[in-house]
Each structure stands twice: as structure tokens, then as C-alpha cells.
């Protein structure tokens, strides 16, 4: 799943560790999400959107069968 988590995190001048602590996950989880190696749970996706005060669609773009169609 494509995402803009890194963009939002950097704009907020946060480290991966800072963001991880704010939403209750490990730094490695944030790293894996940013590198698009891990798709967050729906709950975590909503927590991230709430933290950044944006819509979930602003952070995440779902892919179908591994493509952006």
C-alpha cells in the first residue's frame, strides 16, 4: 500500500521513534510502514490519521493486486 506517512512525519519534524511512541507501536513498525513493507492494521491507520489530523485517504492509497489500479 502506498503511503505518505514519511512525508507527514517529516513535515511535523518527528523522528520515527517519536511517532511510534505517540501511536503506541515500535519504531520498526513505523519504518516498515514508511518503506511499504508492512500494511498497518485499520486501527493503526486511523490512529495515524487522527494524530496528523487528516483523512486516512490522505495517508494511505490502497493497491489492488499489488498495483495502483
N, C-alpha and C. Protein backbone atom coordinates (compact mmCIF):
# COMPACT_ATOMS: atom_id res chain seq x y z
N UNK A 1 0.85 -1.17 0.00
CA UNK A 1 0.00 0.00 0.00
C UNK A 1 0.90 1.23 0.00
N UNK A 2 0.67 2.11 -0.96
CA UNK A 2 1.41 3.36 -0.99
C UNK A 2 0.97 4.23 0.17
N UNK A 3 1.90 5.00 0.71
CA UNK A 3 1.53 5.87 1.82
C UNK A 3 2.38 7.12 1.88
N UNK A 4 1.89 8.08 2.63
CA UNK A 4 2.56 9.37 2.81
C UNK A 4 2.98 9.58 4.27
N UNK A 5 3.16 8.51 5.01
CA UNK A 5 3.48 8.61 6.42
C UNK A 5 4.80 9.36 6.61
N UNK A 6 5.81 9.03 5.85
CA UNK A 6 7.11 9.71 5.99
C UNK A 6 6.97 11.20 5.72
N UNK A 7 6.22 11.56 4.69
CA UNK A 7 6.02 12.96 4.35
C UNK A 7 5.39 13.72 5.50
N UNK A 8 4.33 13.16 6.07
CA UNK A 8 3.64 13.80 7.19
C UNK A 8 4.54 13.84 8.42
N UNK A 9 5.27 12.77 8.68
CA UNK A 9 6.15 12.72 9.85
C UNK A 9 7.25 13.76 9.75
N UNK A 10 7.88 13.84 8.59
CA UNK A 10 8.95 14.82 8.42
C UNK A 10 8.43 16.25 8.47
N UNK A 11 7.24 16.49 7.93
CA UNK A 11 6.65 17.83 7.99
C UNK A 11 6.37 18.24 9.43
N UNK A 12 6.09 17.26 10.29
CA UNK A 12 5.83 17.53 11.70
C UNK A 12 7.13 17.53 12.52
N UNK A 13 8.27 17.34 11.84
CA UNK A 13 9.59 17.33 12.48
C UNK A 13 9.66 16.28 13.59
N UNK A 14 9.18 15.08 13.27
CA UNK A 14 9.20 13.96 14.21
C UNK A 14 10.17 12.89 13.74
N UNK A 15 10.79 12.21 14.69
CA UNK A 15 11.57 11.02 14.35
C UNK A 15 10.60 9.84 14.26
N UNK A 16 11.08 8.75 13.70
CA UNK A 16 10.24 7.55 13.67
C UNK A 16 9.91 7.12 15.09
N UNK A 17 10.85 7.24 15.99
CA UNK A 17 10.63 6.87 17.38
C UNK A 17 9.58 7.74 18.06
N UNK A 18 9.60 9.04 17.76
CA UNK A 18 8.60 9.95 18.33
C UNK A 18 7.20 9.57 17.87
N UNK A 19 7.06 9.33 16.57
CA UNK A 19 5.75 8.95 16.04
C UNK A 19 5.30 7.62 16.60
N UNK A 20 6.22 6.67 16.66
CA UNK A 20 5.90 5.35 17.20
C UNK A 20 5.38 5.45 18.63
N UNK A 21 6.05 6.25 19.46
CA UNK A 21 5.63 6.42 20.85
C UNK A 21 4.25 7.07 20.92
N UNK A 22 3.99 8.00 20.03
CA UNK A 22 2.71 8.73 20.04
C UNK A 22 1.53 7.82 19.71
N UNK A 23 1.76 6.82 18.85
CA UNK A 23 0.65 5.95 18.44
C UNK A 23 0.75 4.55 19.04
N UNK A 24 1.75 4.31 19.88
CA UNK A 24 1.83 3.05 20.62
C UNK A 24 2.34 1.85 19.86
N UNK A 25 3.29 2.08 18.95
CA UNK A 25 3.92 0.96 18.23
C UNK A 25 5.43 1.12 18.31
N UNK A 26 6.17 0.18 17.75
CA UNK A 26 7.62 0.28 17.76
C UNK A 26 8.12 1.15 16.61
N UNK A 27 9.34 1.66 16.76
CA UNK A 27 9.97 2.42 15.68
C UNK A 27 10.08 1.56 14.43
N UNK A 28 10.35 0.28 14.61
CA UNK A 28 10.49 -0.63 13.47
C UNK A 28 9.18 -0.73 12.69
N UNK A 29 8.05 -0.66 13.37
CA UNK A 29 6.76 -0.70 12.69
C UNK A 29 6.59 0.52 11.80
N UNK A 30 6.92 1.70 12.33
CA UNK A 30 6.83 2.93 11.53
C UNK A 30 7.77 2.84 10.34
N UNK A 31 8.98 2.34 10.56
CA UNK A 31 9.93 2.19 9.46
C UNK A 31 9.38 1.27 8.39
N UNK A 32 8.81 0.14 8.79
CA UNK A 32 8.27 -0.82 7.82
C UNK A 32 7.08 -0.23 7.05
N UNK A 33 6.24 0.56 7.72
CA UNK A 33 5.13 1.20 7.03
C UNK A 33 5.66 2.19 6.00
N UNK A 34 6.61 3.02 6.41
CA UNK A 34 7.16 4.02 5.50
C UNK A 34 7.84 3.39 4.30
N UNK A 35 8.46 2.25 4.48
CA UNK A 35 9.14 1.57 3.38
C UNK A 35 8.20 0.68 2.58
N UNK A 36 6.92 0.74 2.94
CA UNK A 36 5.87 -0.03 2.27
C UNK A 36 6.12 -1.53 2.31
N UNK A 37 6.69 -1.97 3.43
CA UNK A 37 6.93 -3.40 3.64
C UNK A 37 5.91 -4.00 4.59
N UNK A 38 5.07 -3.12 5.16
CA UNK A 38 4.06 -3.56 6.13
C UNK A 38 2.85 -2.66 5.99
N UNK A 39 1.69 -3.25 5.85
CA UNK A 39 0.44 -2.50 5.82
C UNK A 39 -0.12 -2.48 7.24
N UNK A 40 -0.37 -1.30 7.78
CA UNK A 40 -0.86 -1.23 9.16
C UNK A 40 -2.27 -1.78 9.28
N UNK A 41 -2.62 -2.15 10.50
CA UNK A 41 -4.00 -2.55 10.76
C UNK A 41 -4.89 -1.33 10.52
N UNK A 42 -6.16 -1.58 10.34
CA UNK A 42 -7.10 -0.48 10.16
C UNK A 42 -7.08 0.44 11.38
N UNK A 43 -6.99 -0.15 12.55
CA UNK A 43 -6.94 0.64 13.79
C UNK A 43 -5.73 1.57 13.80
N UNK A 44 -4.55 1.04 13.43
CA UNK A 44 -3.34 1.86 13.41
C UNK A 44 -3.42 2.93 12.33
N UNK A 45 -3.97 2.60 11.19
CA UNK A 45 -4.12 3.59 10.11
C UNK A 45 -4.99 4.75 10.59
N UNK A 46 -6.08 4.44 11.30
CA UNK A 46 -6.93 5.50 11.84
C UNK A 46 -6.21 6.31 12.92
N UNK A 47 -5.41 5.64 13.75
CA UNK A 47 -4.65 6.35 14.77
C UNK A 47 -3.65 7.32 14.15
N UNK A 48 -2.98 6.88 13.08
CA UNK A 48 -2.04 7.76 12.40
C UNK A 48 -2.75 8.95 11.77
N UNK A 49 -3.87 8.71 11.13
CA UNK A 49 -4.64 9.80 10.54
C UNK A 49 -5.12 10.78 11.61
N UNK A 50 -5.57 10.27 12.73
CA UNK A 50 -6.01 11.14 13.82
C UNK A 50 -4.85 11.95 14.37
N UNK A 51 -3.69 11.31 14.50
CA UNK A 51 -2.52 12.01 15.02
C UNK A 51 -2.15 13.19 14.11
N UNK A 52 -2.19 12.96 12.81
CA UNK A 52 -1.83 14.01 11.85
C UNK A 52 -3.02 14.90 11.48
N UNK A 53 -4.18 14.63 12.08
CA UNK A 53 -5.39 15.42 11.84
C UNK A 53 -5.69 15.51 10.34
N UNK A 54 -5.73 14.34 9.71
CA UNK A 54 -6.02 14.27 8.28
C UNK A 54 -6.93 13.07 8.02
N UNK A 55 -7.38 12.95 6.81
CA UNK A 55 -8.19 11.80 6.42
C UNK A 55 -7.28 10.60 6.18
N UNK A 56 -7.79 9.42 6.45
CA UNK A 56 -7.00 8.22 6.24
C UNK A 56 -6.56 8.10 4.77
N UNK A 57 -7.41 8.59 3.87
CA UNK A 57 -7.09 8.56 2.44
C UNK A 57 -5.93 9.48 2.08
N UNK A 58 -5.66 10.49 2.94
CA UNK A 58 -4.52 11.38 2.71
C UNK A 58 -3.21 10.66 3.01
N UNK A 59 -3.25 9.69 3.90
CA UNK A 59 -2.05 8.95 4.30
C UNK A 59 -1.83 7.69 3.48
N UNK A 60 -2.90 7.00 3.14
CA UNK A 60 -2.78 5.69 2.52
C UNK A 60 -3.56 5.60 1.22
N UNK A 61 -2.92 5.01 0.22
CA UNK A 61 -3.56 4.75 -1.06
C UNK A 61 -3.56 3.24 -1.29
N UNK A 62 -4.73 2.64 -1.19
CA UNK A 62 -4.77 1.18 -1.35
C UNK A 62 -4.36 0.75 -2.75
N UNK A 63 -3.80 -0.42 -2.83
CA UNK A 63 -3.45 -1.00 -4.12
C UNK A 63 -4.28 -2.27 -4.32
N UNK A 64 -4.61 -2.55 -5.55
CA UNK A 64 -5.35 -3.76 -5.89
C UNK A 64 -4.40 -4.73 -6.58
N UNK A 65 -4.26 -5.90 -6.00
CA UNK A 65 -3.38 -6.93 -6.58
C UNK A 65 -1.96 -6.40 -6.81
N UNK A 66 -1.49 -5.55 -5.88
CA UNK A 66 -0.13 -5.05 -5.98
C UNK A 66 0.07 -3.93 -6.98
N UNK A 67 -1.03 -3.38 -7.53
CA UNK A 67 -0.90 -2.28 -8.47
C UNK A 67 -1.73 -1.10 -7.97
N UNK A 68 -1.57 0.04 -8.58
CA UNK A 68 -2.33 1.22 -8.18
C UNK A 68 -3.56 1.43 -9.02
N UNK A 69 -4.18 0.37 -9.47
CA UNK A 69 -5.37 0.48 -10.31
C UNK A 69 -6.61 0.69 -9.50
